[in-house]
């Protein structure tokens, strides 16, 4: 509490919004549409693209390594 005022002092938060988020807030929506996840643009759910993308099932993939390095007692 602030002396002499009798009530707690409110703290302000400074938030920098992009122009896109400012437009959403002006329409009454959440910034970056926080109400639902964006599965179309999720980094882990889409197909891998680019030059560094490993070929699925290729010699360098994790599946191939796991098949190659099976312990003897797992037969």
PDB file of N, CA and C in Angstrom:
ATOM      1  N   UNK A   1       0.831  -1.182   0.000  1.00  0.00           N
ATOM      2  CA  UNK A   1       0.000   0.000   0.000  1.00  0.00           C
ATOM      3  C   UNK A   1       0.871   1.239   0.000  1.00  0.00           C
ATOM      4  N   UNK A   2       0.415   2.225  -0.659  1.00  0.00           N
ATOM      5  CA  UNK A   2       1.126   3.487  -0.715  1.00  0.00           C
ATOM      6  C   UNK A   2       0.723   4.329   0.494  1.00  0.00           C
ATOM      7  N   UNK A   3       1.706   4.879   1.215  1.00  0.00           N
ATOM      8  CA  UNK A   3       1.359   5.681   2.391  1.00  0.00           C
ATOM      9  C   UNK A   3       0.486   6.874   2.012  1.00  0.00           C
ATOM     10  N   UNK A   4      -0.572   7.085   2.784  1.00  0.00           N
ATOM     11  CA  UNK A   4      -1.425   8.241   2.564  1.00  0.00           C
ATOM     12  C   UNK A   4      -2.536   8.030   1.554  1.00  0.00           C
ATOM     13  N   UNK A   5      -2.471   7.016   0.747  1.00  0.00           N
ATOM     14  CA  UNK A   5      -3.504   6.798  -0.267  1.00  0.00           C
ATOM     15  C   UNK A   5      -4.534   5.761   0.177  1.00  0.00           C
ATOM     16  N   UNK A   6      -4.130   4.795   0.983  1.00  0.00           N
ATOM     17  CA  UNK A   6      -5.064   3.818   1.500  1.00  0.00           C
ATOM     18  C   UNK A   6      -5.401   2.676   0.562  1.00  0.00           C
ATOM     19  N   UNK A   7      -4.763   2.568  -0.577  1.00  0.00           N
ATOM     20  CA  UNK A   7      -5.023   1.425  -1.452  1.00  0.00           C
ATOM     21  C   UNK A   7      -3.740   1.014  -2.166  1.00  0.00           C
ATOM     22  N   UNK A   8      -3.738  -0.190  -2.657  1.00  0.00           N
ATOM     23  CA  UNK A   8      -2.541  -0.734  -3.300  1.00  0.00           C
ATOM     24  C   UNK A   8      -2.296  -0.043  -4.639  1.00  0.00           C
ATOM     25  N   UNK A   9      -1.065   0.099  -4.971  1.00  0.00           N
ATOM     26  CA  UNK A   9      -0.671   0.728  -6.230  1.00  0.00           C
ATOM     27  C   UNK A   9      -0.740  -0.307  -7.347  1.00  0.00           C
ATOM     28  N   UNK A  10      -1.379   0.036  -8.423  1.00  0.00           N
ATOM     29  CA  UNK A  10      -1.471  -0.877  -9.567  1.00  0.00           C
ATOM     30  C   UNK A  10      -0.220  -0.768 -10.412  1.00  0.00           C
ATOM     31  N   UNK A  11       0.224  -1.899 -10.876  1.00  0.00           N
ATOM     32  CA  UNK A  11       1.393  -1.923 -11.756  1.00  0.00           C
ATOM     33  C   UNK A  11       0.932  -2.086 -13.190  1.00  0.00           C
ATOM     34  N   UNK A  12       1.570  -1.370 -14.066  1.00  0.00           N
ATOM     35  CA  UNK A  12       1.247  -1.475 -15.479  1.00  0.00           C
ATOM     36  C   UNK A  12       2.239  -2.404 -16.152  1.00  0.00           C
ATOM     37  N   UNK A  13       1.743  -3.143 -17.098  1.00  0.00           N
ATOM     38  CA  UNK A  13       2.612  -3.987 -17.919  1.00  0.00           C
ATOM     39  C   UNK A  13       2.727  -3.347 -19.294  1.00  0.00           C
ATOM     40  N   UNK A  14       3.930  -3.305 -19.786  1.00  0.00           N
ATOM     41  CA  UNK A  14       4.158  -2.763 -21.118  1.00  0.00           C
ATOM     42  C   UNK A  14       4.213  -3.936 -22.080  1.00  0.00           C
ATOM     43  N   UNK A  15       3.347  -3.915 -23.065  1.00  0.00           N
ATOM     44  CA  UNK A  15       3.279  -4.995 -24.038  1.00  0.00           C
ATOM     45  C   UNK A  15       3.397  -4.381 -25.423  1.00  0.00           C
ATOM     46  N   UNK A  16       4.329  -4.900 -26.207  1.00  0.00           N
ATOM     47  CA  UNK A  16       4.483  -4.439 -27.589  1.00  0.00           C
ATOM     48  C   UNK A  16       3.701  -5.388 -28.491  1.00  0.00           C
ATOM     49  N   UNK A  17       2.722  -4.855 -29.200  1.00  0.00           N
ATOM     50  CA  UNK A  17       1.912  -5.666 -30.095  1.00  0.00           C
ATOM     51  C   UNK A  17       2.267  -5.355 -31.539  1.00  0.00           C
ATOM     52  N   UNK A  18       2.297  -6.397 -32.345  1.00  0.00           N
ATOM     53  CA  UNK A  18       2.517  -6.205 -33.772  1.00  0.00           C
ATOM     54  C   UNK A  18       1.265  -5.565 -34.371  1.00  0.00           C
ATOM     55  N   UNK A  19       1.378  -4.977 -35.556  1.00  0.00           N
ATOM     56  CA  UNK A  19       0.186  -4.395 -36.193  1.00  0.00           C
ATOM     57  C   UNK A  19      -0.938  -5.421 -36.367  1.00  0.00           C
ATOM     58  N   UNK A  20      -0.573  -6.658 -36.651  1.00  0.00           N
ATOM     59  CA  UNK A  20      -1.568  -7.724 -36.805  1.00  0.00           C
ATOM     60  C   UNK A  20      -2.302  -7.974 -35.485  1.00  0.00           C
ATOM     61  N   UNK A  21      -1.539  -8.028 -34.373  1.00  0.00           N
ATOM     62  CA  UNK A  21      -2.151  -8.238 -33.064  1.00  0.00           C
ATOM     63  C   UNK A  21      -2.976  -7.028 -32.636  1.00  0.00           C
ATOM     64  N   UNK A  22      -2.535  -5.820 -32.978  1.00  0.00           N
ATOM     65  CA  UNK A  22      -3.310  -4.624 -32.644  1.00  0.00           C
ATOM     66  C   UNK A  22      -4.676  -4.664 -33.322  1.00  0.00           C
ATOM     67  N   UNK A  23      -4.707  -5.141 -34.567  1.00  0.00           N
ATOM     68  CA  UNK A  23      -5.980  -5.251 -35.284  1.00  0.00           C
ATOM     69  C   UNK A  23      -6.874  -6.292 -34.622  1.00  0.00           C
ATOM     70  N   UNK A  24      -6.290  -7.400 -34.171  1.00  0.00           N
ATOM     71  CA  UNK A  24      -7.083  -8.429 -33.488  1.00  0.00           C
ATOM     72  C   UNK A  24      -7.654  -7.906 -32.178  1.00  0.00           C
ATOM     73  N   UNK A  25      -6.852  -7.186 -31.407  1.00  0.00           N
ATOM     74  CA  UNK A  25      -7.323  -6.631 -30.133  1.00  0.00           C
ATOM     75  C   UNK A  25      -8.429  -5.613 -30.389  1.00  0.00           C
ATOM     76  N   UNK A  26      -8.294  -4.816 -31.451  1.00  0.00           N
ATOM     77  CA  UNK A  26      -9.323  -3.830 -31.782  1.00  0.00           C
ATOM     78  C   UNK A  26     -10.648  -4.507 -32.136  1.00  0.00           C
ATOM     79  N   UNK A  27     -10.584  -5.724 -32.718  1.00  0.00           N
ATOM     80  CA  UNK A  27     -11.802  -6.475 -33.041  1.00  0.00           C
ATOM     81  C   UNK A  27     -12.323  -7.272 -31.848  1.00  0.00           C
ATOM     82  N   UNK A  28     -11.593  -7.247 -30.718  1.00  0.00           N
ATOM     83  CA  UNK A  28     -12.020  -7.977 -29.525  1.00  0.00           C
ATOM     84  C   UNK A  28     -11.511  -9.399 -29.468  1.00  0.00           C
ATOM     85  N   UNK A  29     -10.549  -9.759 -30.335  1.00  0.00           N
ATOM     86  CA  UNK A  29      -9.994 -11.110 -30.347  1.00  0.00           C
ATOM     87  C   UNK A  29      -8.718 -11.153 -29.523  1.00  0.00           C
ATOM     88  N   UNK A  30      -8.282 -12.363 -29.201  1.00  0.00           N
ATOM     89  CA  UNK A  30      -7.016 -12.541 -28.494  1.00  0.00           C
ATOM     90  C   UNK A  30      -5.853 -12.327 -29.453  1.00  0.00           C
ATOM     91  N   UNK A  31      -4.753 -11.753 -28.979  1.00  0.00           N
ATOM     92  CA  UNK A  31      -3.570 -11.642 -29.829  1.00  0.00           C
ATOM     93  C   UNK A  31      -3.063 -13.026 -30.220  1.00  0.00           C
ATOM     94  N   UNK A  32      -2.674 -13.169 -31.455  1.00  0.00           N
ATOM     95  CA  UNK A  32      -2.156 -14.426 -32.002  1.00  0.00           C
ATOM     96  C   UNK A  32      -3.122 -15.582 -31.803  1.00  0.00           C
ATOM     97  N   UNK A  33      -4.391 -15.294 -31.636  1.00  0.00           N
ATOM     98  CA  UNK A  33      -5.437 -16.302 -31.524  1.00  0.00           C
ATOM     99  C   UNK A  33      -5.065 -17.375 -30.507  1.00  0.00           C
ATOM    100  N   UNK A  34      -4.853 -16.937 -29.271  1.00  0.00           N
ATOM    101  CA  UNK A  34      -4.429 -17.842 -28.211  1.00  0.00           C
ATOM    102  C   UNK A  34      -5.516 -18.827 -27.799  1.00  0.00           C
ATOM    103  N   UNK A  35      -6.731 -18.637 -28.260  1.00  0.00           N
ATOM    104  CA  UNK A  35      -7.824 -19.509 -27.845  1.00  0.00           C
ATOM    105  C   UNK A  35      -7.688 -20.917 -28.409  1.00  0.00           C
ATOM    106  N   UNK A  36      -7.047 -21.075 -29.544  1.00  0.00           N
ATOM    107  CA  UNK A  36      -6.902 -22.416 -30.124  1.00  0.00           C
ATOM    108  C   UNK A  36      -5.522 -22.548 -30.760  1.00  0.00           C
ATOM    109  N   UNK A  37      -4.941 -23.752 -30.711  1.00  0.00           N
ATOM    110  CA  UNK A  37      -3.624 -23.951 -31.310  1.00  0.00           C
ATOM    111  C   UNK A  37      -3.703 -23.929 -32.836  1.00  0.00           C
ATOM    112  N   UNK A  38      -2.608 -23.588 -33.443  1.00  0.00           N
ATOM    113  CA  UNK A  38      -2.521 -23.524 -34.897  1.00  0.00           C
ATOM    114  C   UNK A  38      -1.837 -24.796 -35.389  1.00  0.00           C
ATOM    115  N   UNK A  39      -2.632 -25.840 -35.626  1.00  0.00           N
ATOM    116  CA  UNK A  39      -2.060 -27.118 -36.027  1.00  0.00           C
ATOM    117  C   UNK A  39      -1.540 -27.096 -37.458  1.00  0.00           C
ATOM    118  N   UNK A  40      -2.048 -26.188 -38.285  1.00  0.00           N
ATOM    119  CA  UNK A  40      -1.589 -26.129 -39.669  1.00  0.00           C
ATOM    120  C   UNK A  40      -0.159 -25.626 -39.775  1.00  0.00           C
ATOM    121  N   UNK A  41       0.266 -24.789 -38.826  1.00  0.00           N
ATOM    122  CA  UNK A  41       1.596 -24.209 -38.900  1.00  0.00           C
ATOM    123  C   UNK A  41       2.486 -24.654 -37.754  1.00  0.00           C
ATOM    124  N   UNK A  42       2.109 -25.725 -37.063  1.00  0.00           N
ATOM    125  CA  UNK A  42       2.914 -26.238 -35.963  1.00  0.00           C
ATOM    126  C   UNK A  42       4.197 -26.837 -36.531  1.00  0.00           C
ATOM    127  N   UNK A  43       5.306 -26.548 -35.907  1.00  0.00           N
ATOM    128  CA  UNK A  43       6.600 -26.993 -36.418  1.00  0.00           C
ATOM    129  C   UNK A  43       6.734 -28.506 -36.425  1.00  0.00           C
ATOM    130  N   UNK A  44       6.059 -29.197 -35.536  1.00  0.00           N
ATOM    131  CA  UNK A  44       6.231 -30.644 -35.437  1.00  0.00           C
ATOM    132  C   UNK A  44       5.163 -31.437 -36.178  1.00  0.00           C
ATOM    133  N   UNK A  45       4.109 -30.819 -36.665  1.00  0.00           N
ATOM    134  CA  UNK A  45       3.030 -31.584 -37.270  1.00  0.00           C
ATOM    135  C   UNK A  45       3.060 -31.593 -38.791  1.00  0.00           C
ATOM    136  N   UNK A  46       3.782 -30.695 -39.406  1.00  0.00           N
ATOM    137  CA  UNK A  46       3.778 -30.610 -40.855  1.00  0.00           C
ATOM    138  C   UNK A  46       4.868 -31.451 -41.497  1.00  0.00           C
ATOM    139  N   UNK A  47       4.809 -31.573 -42.808  1.00  0.00           N
ATOM    140  CA  UNK A  47       5.867 -32.312 -43.500  1.00  0.00           C
ATOM    141  C   UNK A  47       7.183 -31.542 -43.441  1.00  0.00           C
ATOM    142  N   UNK A  48       8.264 -32.276 -43.357  1.00  0.00           N
ATOM    143  CA  UNK A  48       9.587 -31.656 -43.289  1.00  0.00           C
ATOM    144  C   UNK A  48      10.005 -31.280 -44.702  1.00  0.00           C
ATOM    145  N   UNK A  49      10.482 -30.067 -44.854  1.00  0.00           N
ATOM    146  CA  UNK A  49      10.911 -29.606 -46.166  1.00  0.00           C
ATOM    147  C   UNK A  49      12.303 -29.018 -46.070  1.00  0.00           C
ATOM    148  N   UNK A  50      12.936 -28.862 -47.201  1.00  0.00           N
ATOM    149  CA  UNK A  50      14.243 -28.235 -47.238  1.00  0.00           C
ATOM    150  C   UNK A  50      15.346 -29.237 -47.534  1.00  0.00           C
ATOM    151  N   UNK A  51      16.548 -28.721 -47.647  1.00  0.00           N
ATOM    152  CA  UNK A  51      17.683 -29.564 -48.001  1.00  0.00           C
ATOM    153  C   UNK A  51      18.140 -30.457 -46.855  1.00  0.00           C
ATOM    154  N   UNK A  52      17.873 -30.056 -45.613  1.00  0.00           N
ATOM    155  CA  UNK A  52      18.330 -30.832 -44.467  1.00  0.00           C
ATOM    156  C   UNK A  52      17.356 -31.929 -44.064  1.00  0.00           C
ATOM    157  N   UNK A  53      16.263 -32.084 -44.770  1.00  0.00           N
ATOM    158  CA  UNK A  53      15.260 -33.076 -44.395  1.00  0.00           C
ATOM    159  C   UNK A  53      15.773 -34.480 -44.699  1.00  0.00           C
ATOM    160  N   UNK A  54      15.816 -35.358 -43.698  1.00  0.00           N
ATOM    161  CA  UNK A  54      16.265 -36.726 -43.958  1.00  0.00           C
ATOM    162  C   UNK A  54      15.181 -37.507 -44.694  1.00  0.00           C
ATOM    163  N   UNK A  55      15.607 -38.441 -45.516  1.00  0.00           N
ATOM    164  CA  UNK A  55      14.656 -39.304 -46.203  1.00  0.00           C
ATOM    165  C   UNK A  55      14.080 -40.285 -45.190  1.00  0.00           C
ATOM    166  N   UNK A  56      12.757 -40.442 -45.128  1.00  0.00           N
ATOM    167  CA  UNK A  56      12.187 -41.354 -44.146  1.00  0.00           C
ATOM    168  C   UNK A  56      12.648 -42.783 -44.398  1.00  0.00           C
ATOM    169  N   UNK A  57      13.109 -43.442 -43.358  1.00  0.00           N
ATOM    170  CA  UNK A  57      13.575 -44.817 -43.473  1.00  0.00           C
ATOM    171  C   UNK A  57      14.943 -44.953 -44.099  1.00  0.00           C
ATOM    172  N   UNK A  58      15.617 -43.847 -44.374  1.00  0.00           N
ATOM    173  CA  UNK A  58      16.942 -43.913 -44.976  1.00  0.00           C
ATOM    174  C   UNK A  58      17.985 -44.392 -43.989  1.00  0.00           C
ATOM    175  N   UNK A  59      19.202 -44.575 -44.461  1.00  0.00           N
ATOM    176  CA  UNK A  59      20.274 -45.107 -43.617  1.00  0.00           C
ATOM    177  C   UNK A  59      20.598 -44.177 -42.453  1.00  0.00           C
ATOM    178  N   UNK A  60      20.361 -42.882 -42.607  1.00  0.00           N
ATOM    179  CA  UNK A  60      20.675 -41.944 -41.540  1.00  0.00           C
ATOM    180  C   UNK A  60      19.523 -41.686 -40.588  1.00  0.00           C
ATOM    181  N   UNK A  61      18.385 -42.335 -40.808  1.00  0.00           N
ATOM    182  CA  UNK A  61      17.234 -42.050 -39.956  1.00  0.00           C
ATOM    183  C   UNK A  61      17.354 -42.766 -38.618  1.00  0.00           C
ATOM    184  N   UNK A  62      16.628 -42.292 -37.657  1.00  0.00           N
ATOM    185  CA  UNK A  62      16.642 -42.893 -36.326  1.00  0.00           C
ATOM    186  C   UNK A  62      16.053 -44.300 -36.365  1.00  0.00           C
ATOM    187  N   UNK A  63      15.033 -44.544 -37.198  1.00  0.00           N
ATOM    188  CA  UNK A  63      14.447 -45.883 -37.292  1.00  0.00           C
ATOM    189  C   UNK A  63      15.467 -46.895 -37.783  1.00  0.00           C
ATOM    190  N   UNK A  64      16.243 -46.504 -38.789  1.00  0.00           N
ATOM    191  CA  UNK A  64      17.262 -47.422 -39.303  1.00  0.00           C
ATOM    192  C   UNK A  64      18.311 -47.707 -38.240  1.00  0.00           C
ATOM    193  N   UNK A  65      18.688 -46.692 -37.477  1.00  0.00           N
ATOM    194  CA  UNK A  65      19.671 -46.909 -36.411  1.00  0.00           C
ATOM    195  C   UNK A  65      19.119 -47.836 -35.343  1.00  0.00           C
ATOM    196  N   UNK A  66      17.864 -47.661 -34.978  1.00  0.00           N
ATOM    197  CA  UNK A  66      17.269 -48.524 -33.960  1.00  0.00           C
ATOM    198  C   UNK A  66      17.161 -49.967 -34.436  1.00  0.00           C
ATOM    199  N   UNK A  67      16.840 -50.179 -35.702  1.00  0.00           N
ATOM    200  CA  UNK A  67      16.778 -51.553 -36.233  1.00  0.00           C
ATOM    201  C   UNK A  67      18.157 -52.188 -36.288  1.00  0.00           C
ATOM    202  N   UNK A  68      19.169 -51.382 -36.563  1.00  0.00           N
ATOM    203  CA  UNK A  68      20.533 -51.880 -36.682  1.00  0.00           C
ATOM    204  C   UNK A  68      21.134 -52.193 -35.315  1.00  0.00           C
ATOM    205  N   UNK A  69      20.795 -51.400 -34.293  1.00  0.00           N
ATOM    206  CA  UNK A  69      21.414 -51.534 -32.977  1.00  0.00           C
ATOM    207  C   UNK A  69      20.529 -52.269 -31.979  1.00  0.00           C
ATOM    208  N   UNK A  70      19.825 -53.311 -32.424  1.00  0.00           N
ATOM    209  CA  UNK A  70      18.962 -54.074 -31.526  1.00  0.00           C
ATOM    210  C   UNK A  70      19.837 -54.948 -30.633  1.00  0.00           C
ATOM    211  N   UNK A  71      19.639 -54.893 -29.310  1.00  0.00           N
ATOM    212  CA  UNK A  71      20.418 -55.752 -28.417  1.00  0.00           C
ATOM    213  C   UNK A  71      20.155 -57.232 -28.714  1.00  0.00           C
ATOM    214  N   UNK A  72      21.153 -58.116 -28.501  1.00  0.00           N
ATOM    215  CA  UNK A  72      21.007 -59.534 -28.850  1.00  0.00           C
ATOM    216  C   UNK A  72      19.857 -60.223 -28.106  1.00  0.00           C
ATOM    217  N   UNK A  73      19.579 -59.822 -26.886  1.00  0.00           N
ATOM    218  CA  UNK A  73      18.524 -60.497 -26.133  1.00  0.00           C
ATOM    219  C   UNK A  73      17.120 -60.103 -26.599  1.00  0.00           C
ATOM    220  N   UNK A  74      17.015 -59.155 -27.519  1.00  0.00           N
ATOM    221  CA  UNK A  74      15.706 -58.782 -28.048  1.00  0.00           C
ATOM    222  C   UNK A  74      15.378 -59.571 -29.317  1.00  0.00           C
ATOM    223  N   UNK A  75      16.331 -60.335 -29.791  1.00  0.00           N
ATOM    224  CA  UNK A  75      16.164 -61.267 -30.885  1.00  0.00           C
ATOM    225  C   UNK A  75      15.748 -60.716 -32.144  1.00  0.00           C
TER     226      UNK A  75
END
